[in-house]
Amino acid sequence: MEKEQIQERIKEIEAAMQQPDFWSDKNDAQALIKELHDLKAEAEGGNAYDRRGSIVSLVAGAGGDDAEDFARMLFEMYRKYFEKRGWSARILHENKNDHGGFRNMSIEVGGKNVYGTLKNEYGVHRLVRISPFNASQKRHTSFVLVEVLPVIEQVGVIELDEKDLEITKRYPTCRSAQAKSSGGAKSVPTFFIRISWSKTIAPMWRSATPRAC
């Protein structure tokens, strides 16, 4: 929608809100108010989600203890920033290691324009430093994935038509894993199931455990 069309539609809705019978249909009135907020956000250069809260997830990648410590450092940095902005922060999930680092964690952040402010943090962050966990004091590179998603309104049950679903399976493969019980290596069978919905762009892969190799 062009800027001129957005402004015209905003004027139409604001004029409708001045009418005495605007609230005669509560559902229509609330839908128009929501549309007005979305249009104003778009006119300001954002989108409907920018003004909402956000779910921020940190996932330590390659780097072992260093990567998990890097995730801790990022969390502390973000936490201080949230406090400075006056935003609320609530830990939804955390998986810590023995050194106080995070293997992964998720935080719900509330406040004004949270998602619009944080969405550019999405991506893989890299840290190069002298590892405090390496006795040789060698330089180490660590990676942490930061995911930033908007908090969306609760939606009802979504029904999917099986005709719109395509389910395929990759051939089983075996990978070597360390067996904790015996201390030796064993083959762990794995295959992946792909579920594609015609309304989405990308398929979703899920791992599963097949028959023994």
C-alpha atoms as a PDB file:
ATOM      1  CA  MET A   1       0.000   0.000   0.000  1.00  0.00           C
ATOM      2  CA  GLU A   2       1.377   3.411  -0.996  1.00  0.00           C
ATOM      3  CA  LYS A   3       1.903   6.164   1.588  1.00  0.00           C
ATOM      4  CA  GLU A   4      -0.932   8.246   0.143  1.00  0.00           C
ATOM      5  CA  GLN A   5      -3.296   5.271   0.383  1.00  0.00           C
ATOM      6  CA  ILE A   6      -2.213   4.586   3.963  1.00  0.00           C
ATOM      7  CA  GLN A   7      -2.876   8.183   5.015  1.00  0.00           C
ATOM      8  CA  GLU A   8      -6.238   8.165   3.250  1.00  0.00           C
ATOM      9  CA  ARG A   9      -7.258   4.937   4.980  1.00  0.00           C
ATOM     10  CA  ILE A  10      -6.154   6.350   8.351  1.00  0.00           C
ATOM     11  CA  LYS A  11      -8.405   9.379   7.805  1.00  0.00           C
ATOM     12  CA  GLU A  12     -11.324   7.104   6.881  1.00  0.00           C
ATOM     13  CA  ILE A  13     -10.970   5.039  10.044  1.00  0.00           C
ATOM     14  CA  GLU A  14     -10.528   8.088  12.273  1.00  0.00           C
ATOM     15  CA  ALA A  15     -13.664   9.612  10.740  1.00  0.00           C
ATOM     16  CA  ALA A  16     -15.574   6.378  11.342  1.00  0.00           C
ATOM     17  CA  MET A  17     -14.463   6.387  14.980  1.00  0.00           C
ATOM     18  CA  GLN A  18     -16.168   9.760  15.449  1.00  0.00           C
ATOM     19  CA  GLN A  19     -19.547   8.351  14.458  1.00  0.00           C
ATOM     20  CA  PRO A  20     -22.013   7.716  17.330  1.00  0.00           C
ATOM     21  CA  ASP A  21     -22.723   4.170  16.150  1.00  0.00           C
ATOM     22  CA  PHE A  22     -19.039   3.182  15.894  1.00  0.00           C
ATOM     23  CA  TRP A  23     -19.318   0.728  18.803  1.00  0.00           C
ATOM     24  CA  SER A  24     -22.600  -0.790  17.631  1.00  0.00           C
ATOM     25  CA  ASP A  25     -20.598  -3.779  16.397  1.00  0.00           C
ATOM     26  CA  LYS A  26     -17.866  -4.407  18.943  1.00  0.00           C
ATOM     27  CA  ASN A  27     -15.898  -6.862  16.771  1.00  0.00           C
ATOM     28  CA  ASP A  28     -15.837  -4.553  13.751  1.00  0.00           C
ATOM     29  CA  ALA A  29     -14.853  -1.607  15.940  1.00  0.00           C
ATOM     30  CA  GLN A  30     -11.925  -3.486  17.491  1.00  0.00           C
ATOM     31  CA  ALA A  31     -10.812  -4.699  14.055  1.00  0.00           C
ATOM     32  CA  LEU A  32     -10.774  -1.115  12.760  1.00  0.00           C
ATOM     33  CA  ILE A  33      -8.811   0.092  15.803  1.00  0.00           C
ATOM     34  CA  LYS A  34      -6.232  -2.648  15.262  1.00  0.00           C
ATOM     35  CA  GLU A  35      -6.027  -1.752  11.557  1.00  0.00           C
ATOM     36  CA  LEU A  36      -5.504   1.900  12.498  1.00  0.00           C
ATOM     37  CA  HIS A  37      -2.603   1.026  14.833  1.00  0.00           C
ATOM     38  CA  ASP A  38      -1.015  -1.169  12.172  1.00  0.00           C
ATOM     39  CA  LEU A  39      -1.356   1.497   9.500  1.00  0.00           C
ATOM     40  CA  LYS A  40       0.163   4.163  11.748  1.00  0.00           C
ATOM     41  CA  ALA A  41       3.091   1.874  12.507  1.00  0.00           C
ATOM     42  CA  GLU A  42       3.588   1.230   8.798  1.00  0.00           C
ATOM     43  CA  ALA A  43       3.369   4.955   8.042  1.00  0.00           C
ATOM     44  CA  GLU A  44       6.153   5.564  10.567  1.00  0.00           C
ATOM     45  CA  GLY A  45       8.399   3.154   8.709  1.00  0.00           C
ATOM     46  CA  GLY A  46       7.845   0.078  10.864  1.00  0.00           C
ATOM     47  CA  ASN A  47       5.419  -2.801  10.806  1.00  0.00           C
ATOM     48  CA  ALA A  48       2.649  -4.148  13.009  1.00  0.00           C
ATOM     49  CA  TYR A  49       5.055  -6.178  15.147  1.00  0.00           C
ATOM     50  CA  ASP A  50       7.709  -3.528  15.830  1.00  0.00           C
ATOM     51  CA  ARG A  51       5.808  -2.039  18.770  1.00  0.00           C
ATOM     52  CA  ARG A  52       5.314  -5.374  20.478  1.00  0.00           C
ATOM     53  CA  GLY A  53       7.393  -7.329  22.954  1.00  0.00           C
ATOM     54  CA  SER A  54       9.883  -9.942  21.875  1.00  0.00           C
ATOM     55  CA  ILE A  55      11.228 -13.411  22.641  1.00  0.00           C
ATOM     56  CA  VAL A  56      15.037 -13.407  22.605  1.00  0.00           C
ATOM     57  CA  SER A  57      16.803 -16.780  22.482  1.00  0.00           C
ATOM     58  CA  LEU A  58      20.538 -17.449  22.823  1.00  0.00           C
ATOM     59  CA  VAL A  59      21.978 -20.719  21.516  1.00  0.00           C
ATOM     60  CA  ALA A  60      25.672 -21.465  22.030  1.00  0.00           C
ATOM     61  CA  GLY A  61      27.308 -22.835  18.898  1.00  0.00           C
ATOM     62  CA  ALA A  62      30.833 -24.006  18.135  1.00  0.00           C
ATOM     63  CA  GLY A  63      33.304 -23.280  20.906  1.00  0.00           C
ATOM     64  CA  GLY A  64      32.316 -25.481  23.851  1.00  0.00           C
ATOM     65  CA  ASP A  65      32.743 -23.771  27.238  1.00  0.00           C
ATOM     66  CA  ASP A  66      33.898 -20.574  25.519  1.00  0.00           C
ATOM     67  CA  ALA A  67      30.741 -20.358  23.417  1.00  0.00           C
ATOM     68  CA  GLU A  68      28.535 -21.020  26.440  1.00  0.00           C
ATOM     69  CA  ASP A  69      30.421 -18.342  28.388  1.00  0.00           C
ATOM     70  CA  PHE A  70      29.954 -15.991  25.440  1.00  0.00           C
ATOM     71  CA  ALA A  71      26.196 -16.656  25.663  1.00  0.00           C
ATOM     72  CA  ARG A  72      26.374 -15.628  29.335  1.00  0.00           C
ATOM     73  CA  MET A  73      28.194 -12.429  28.389  1.00  0.00           C
ATOM     74  CA  LEU A  74      25.564 -11.598  25.773  1.00  0.00           C
ATOM     75  CA  PHE A  75      22.764 -12.230  28.276  1.00  0.00           C
ATOM     76  CA  GLU A  76      24.366  -9.888  30.820  1.00  0.00           C
ATOM     77  CA  MET A  77      24.822  -7.240  28.139  1.00  0.00           C
ATOM     78  CA  TYR A  78      21.211  -7.524  26.972  1.00  0.00           C
ATOM     79  CA  ARG A  79      19.885  -7.596  30.558  1.00  0.00           C
ATOM     80  CA  LYS A  80      21.600  -4.308  31.399  1.00  0.00           C
ATOM     81  CA  TYR A  81      20.293  -2.785  28.170  1.00  0.00           C
ATOM     82  CA  PHE A  82      16.735  -3.912  28.999  1.00  0.00           C
ATOM     83  CA  GLU A  83      17.015  -2.318  32.443  1.00  0.00           C
ATOM     84  CA  LYS A  84      18.331   0.912  30.939  1.00  0.00           C
ATOM     85  CA  ARG A  85      15.365   1.087  28.553  1.00  0.00           C
ATOM     86  CA  GLY A  86      12.896   0.334  31.337  1.00  0.00           C
ATOM     87  CA  TRP A  87      11.775  -2.934  29.717  1.00  0.00           C
ATOM     88  CA  SER A  88      10.683  -5.986  31.643  1.00  0.00           C
ATOM     89  CA  ALA A  89      12.572  -9.254  31.186  1.00  0.00           C
ATOM     90  CA  ARG A  90      11.497 -12.741  32.202  1.00  0.00           C
ATOM     91  CA  ILE A  91      13.553 -15.899  31.672  1.00  0.00           C
ATOM     92  CA  LEU A  92      11.366 -18.529  30.031  1.00  0.00           C
ATOM     93  CA  HIS A  93      14.010 -21.245  29.799  1.00  0.00           C
ATOM     94  CA  GLU A  94      17.686 -21.672  30.636  1.00  0.00           C
ATOM     95  CA  ASN A  95      20.202 -24.507  30.297  1.00  0.00           C
ATOM     96  CA  LYS A  96      23.378 -23.727  32.251  1.00  0.00           C
ATOM     97  CA  ASN A  97      26.712 -25.491  32.318  1.00  0.00           C
ATOM     98  CA  ASP A  98      28.996 -26.056  35.329  1.00  0.00           C
ATOM     99  CA  HIS A  99      30.866 -22.775  34.703  1.00  0.00           C
ATOM    100  CA  GLY A 100      27.803 -20.520  34.780  1.00  0.00           C
ATOM    101  CA  GLY A 101      27.574 -20.302  30.997  1.00  0.00           C
ATOM    102  CA  PHE A 102      24.428 -20.940  28.971  1.00  0.00           C
ATOM    103  CA  ARG A 103      24.002 -23.726  26.442  1.00  0.00           C
ATOM    104  CA  ASN A 104      20.711 -22.072  25.483  1.00  0.00           C
ATOM    105  CA  MET A 105      18.120 -19.790  27.003  1.00  0.00           C
ATOM    106  CA  SER A 106      15.025 -17.760  26.128  1.00  0.00           C
ATOM    107  CA  ILE A 107      13.885 -14.414  27.537  1.00  0.00           C
ATOM    108  CA  GLU A 108      10.546 -12.658  27.109  1.00  0.00           C
ATOM    109  CA  VAL A 109      11.061  -8.903  26.899  1.00  0.00           C
ATOM    110  CA  GLY A 110       8.171  -6.495  27.374  1.00  0.00           C
ATOM    111  CA  GLY A 111       7.914  -2.798  26.673  1.00  0.00           C
ATOM    112  CA  LYS A 112       7.368  -0.267  23.908  1.00  0.00           C
ATOM    113  CA  ASN A 113       8.980  -0.880  20.510  1.00  0.00           C
ATOM    114  CA  VAL A 114      10.917  -3.876  21.848  1.00  0.00           C
ATOM    115  CA  TYR A 115      10.836  -6.035  18.718  1.00  0.00           C
ATOM    116  CA  GLY A 116      11.496  -3.097  16.406  1.00  0.00           C
ATOM    117  CA  THR A 117      14.580  -2.220  18.453  1.00  0.00           C
ATOM    118  CA  LEU A 118      15.977  -5.731  18.906  1.00  0.00           C
ATOM    119  CA  LYS A 119      15.202  -7.404  15.593  1.00  0.00           C
ATOM    120  CA  ASN A 120      18.530  -6.379  14.060  1.00  0.00           C
ATOM    121  CA  GLU A 121      20.319  -8.422  16.745  1.00  0.00           C
ATOM    122  CA  TYR A 122      19.092 -11.577  14.991  1.00  0.00           C
ATOM    123  CA  GLY A 123      21.964 -13.669  13.646  1.00  0.00           C
ATOM    124  CA  VAL A 124      25.197 -15.430  14.590  1.00  0.00           C
ATOM    125  CA  HIS A 125      27.488 -13.423  16.895  1.00  0.00           C
ATOM    126  CA  ARG A 126      31.227 -14.144  17.032  1.00  0.00           C
ATOM    127  CA  LEU A 127      33.791 -13.558  19.768  1.00  0.00           C
ATOM    128  CA  VAL A 128      37.576 -13.924  19.384  1.00  0.00           C
ATOM    129  CA  ARG A 129      39.578 -13.845  22.639  1.00  0.00           C
ATOM    130  CA  ILE A 130      42.255 -15.584  24.701  1.00  0.00           C
ATOM    131  CA  SER A 131      40.320 -18.496  26.175  1.00  0.00           C
ATOM    132  CA  PRO A 132      40.118 -18.519  29.991  1.00  0.00           C
ATOM    133  CA  PHE A 133      39.300 -22.228  29.741  1.00  0.00           C
ATOM    134  CA  ASN A 134      42.464 -23.153  27.818  1.00  0.00           C
ATOM    135  CA  ALA A 135      45.626 -23.756  29.846  1.00  0.00           C
ATOM    136  CA  SER A 136      47.738 -22.894  26.796  1.00  0.00           C
ATOM    137  CA  GLN A 137      46.163 -19.419  26.661  1.00  0.00           C
ATOM    138  CA  LYS A 138      45.432 -19.765  22.976  1.00  0.00           C
ATOM    139  CA  ARG A 139      43.141 -17.475  21.015  1.00  0.00           C
ATOM    140  CA  HIS A 140      39.710 -19.015  20.607  1.00  0.00           C
ATOM    141  CA  THR A 141      36.722 -18.191  18.386  1.00  0.00           C
ATOM    142  CA  SER A 142      33.206 -18.725  19.765  1.00  0.00           C
ATOM    143  CA  PHE A 143      29.777 -18.450  18.163  1.00  0.00           C
ATOM    144  CA  VAL A 144      26.321 -17.792  19.587  1.00  0.00           C
ATOM    145  CA  LEU A 145      23.059 -17.668  17.638  1.00  0.00           C
ATOM    146  CA  VAL A 146      20.696 -14.885  18.731  1.00  0.00           C
ATOM    147  CA  GLU A 147      17.079 -15.341  17.684  1.00  0.00           C
ATOM    148  CA  VAL A 148      14.625 -12.457  18.022  1.00  0.00           C
ATOM    149  CA  LEU A 149      10.922 -13.074  17.440  1.00  0.00           C
ATOM    150  CA  PRO A 150       7.912 -10.817  18.079  1.00  0.00           C
ATOM    151  CA  VAL A 151       5.331 -11.660  20.709  1.00  0.00           C
ATOM    152  CA  ILE A 152       2.141 -12.313  18.780  1.00  0.00           C
ATOM    153  CA  GLU A 153      -1.451 -12.292  19.902  1.00  0.00           C
ATOM    154  CA  GLN A 154      -2.968 -15.582  20.912  1.00  0.00           C
ATOM    155  CA  VAL A 155      -4.666 -17.211  17.958  1.00  0.00           C
ATOM    156  CA  GLY A 156      -7.318 -19.883  17.840  1.00  0.00           C
ATOM    157  CA  VAL A 157      -6.964 -23.429  16.615  1.00  0.00           C
ATOM    158  CA  ILE A 158      -5.616 -23.620  13.074  1.00  0.00           C
ATOM    159  CA  GLU A 159      -6.954 -26.506  11.033  1.00  0.00           C
ATOM    160  CA  LEU A 160      -4.735 -27.885   8.278  1.00  0.00           C
ATOM    161  CA  ASP A 161      -6.137 -29.756   5.334  1.00  0.00           C
ATOM    162  CA  GLU A 162      -4.192 -32.980   4.769  1.00  0.00           C
ATOM    163  CA  LYS A 163      -4.358 -32.286   1.039  1.00  0.00           C
ATOM    164  CA  ASP A 164      -2.071 -29.280   1.637  1.00  0.00           C
ATOM    165  CA  LEU A 165       0.560 -31.377   3.426  1.00  0.00           C
ATOM    166  CA  GLU A 166       3.428 -33.255   1.831  1.00  0.00           C
ATOM    167  CA  ILE A 167       5.299 -35.670   4.111  1.00  0.00           C
ATOM    168  CA  THR A 168       8.577 -37.211   2.950  1.00  0.00           C
ATOM    169  CA  LYS A 169      11.344 -39.119   4.720  1.00  0.00           C
ATOM    170  CA  ARG A 170      15.074 -39.078   4.162  1.00  0.00           C
ATOM    171  CA  TYR A 171      16.909 -42.385   4.123  1.00  0.00           C
ATOM    172  CA  PRO A 172      18.188 -43.483   7.546  1.00  0.00           C
ATOM    173  CA  THR A 173      21.803 -42.755   8.365  1.00  0.00           C
ATOM    174  CA  CYS A 174      23.970 -43.914  11.267  1.00  0.00           C
ATOM    175  CA  ARG A 175      26.314 -41.695  13.211  1.00  0.00           C
ATOM    176  CA  SER A 176      28.840 -42.705  15.838  1.00  0.00           C
ATOM    177  CA  ALA A 177      28.095 -41.598  19.373  1.00  0.00           C
ATOM    178  CA  GLN A 178      29.655 -42.223  22.745  1.00  0.00           C
ATOM    179  CA  ALA A 179      27.704 -44.710  24.825  1.00  0.00           C
ATOM    180  CA  LYS A 180      27.666 -43.453  28.405  1.00  0.00           C
ATOM    181  CA  SER A 181      26.807 -46.849  29.839  1.00  0.00           C
ATOM    182  CA  SER A 182      29.731 -48.812  28.385  1.00  0.00           C
ATOM    183  CA  GLY A 183      32.168 -46.013  27.534  1.00  0.00           C
ATOM    184  CA  GLY A 184      32.431 -47.245  23.949  1.00  0.00           C
ATOM    185  CA  ALA A 185      31.134 -46.045  20.613  1.00  0.00           C
ATOM    186  CA  LYS A 186      27.943 -47.284  19.044  1.00  0.00           C
ATOM    187  CA  SER A 187      25.881 -46.461  15.970  1.00  0.00           C
ATOM    188  CA  VAL A 188      22.865 -44.216  16.528  1.00  0.00           C
ATOM    189  CA  PRO A 189      20.305 -44.462  13.701  1.00  0.00           C
ATOM    190  CA  THR A 190      18.734 -41.247  12.511  1.00  0.00           C
ATOM    191  CA  PHE A 191      16.361 -40.229   9.768  1.00  0.00           C
ATOM    192  CA  PHE A 192      14.494 -37.013   9.058  1.00  0.00           C
ATOM    193  CA  ILE A 193      10.845 -36.443   8.273  1.00  0.00           C
ATOM    194  CA  ARG A 194       9.958 -33.405   6.176  1.00  0.00           C
ATOM    195  CA  ILE A 195       6.514 -31.849   6.487  1.00  0.00           C
ATOM    196  CA  SER A 196       5.727 -29.214   3.858  1.00  0.00           C
ATOM    197  CA  TRP A 197       2.619 -27.053   3.918  1.00  0.00           C
ATOM    198  CA  SER A 198       1.643 -25.419   0.644  1.00  0.00           C
ATOM    199  CA  LYS A 199       0.995 -22.102   2.448  1.00  0.00           C
ATOM    200  CA  THR A 200       4.582 -21.783   3.681  1.00  0.00           C
ATOM    201  CA  ILE A 201       7.824 -21.020   1.888  1.00  0.00           C
ATOM    202  CA  ALA A 202      10.187 -23.491   3.536  1.00  0.00           C
ATOM    203  CA  PRO A 203       9.666 -27.064   4.750  1.00  0.00           C
ATOM    204  CA  MET A 204      10.242 -28.201   8.301  1.00  0.00           C
ATOM    205  CA  TRP A 205      12.558 -31.073   9.130  1.00  0.00           C
ATOM    206  CA  ARG A 206      12.169 -33.207  12.240  1.00  0.00           C
ATOM    207  CA  SER A 207      14.542 -35.953  13.343  1.00  0.00           C
ATOM    208  CA  ALA A 208      13.209 -39.355  14.338  1.00  0.00           C
ATOM    209  CA  THR A 209      14.535 -42.686  15.544  1.00  0.00           C
ATOM    210  CA  PRO A 210      14.083 -45.519  13.026  1.00  0.00           C
ATOM    211  CA  ARG A 211      14.836 -49.187  13.237  1.00  0.00           C
ATOM    212  CA  ALA A 212      18.320 -50.270  14.329  1.00  0.00           C
ATOM    213  CA  CYS A 213      21.170 -49.944  11.812  1.00  0.00           C
END
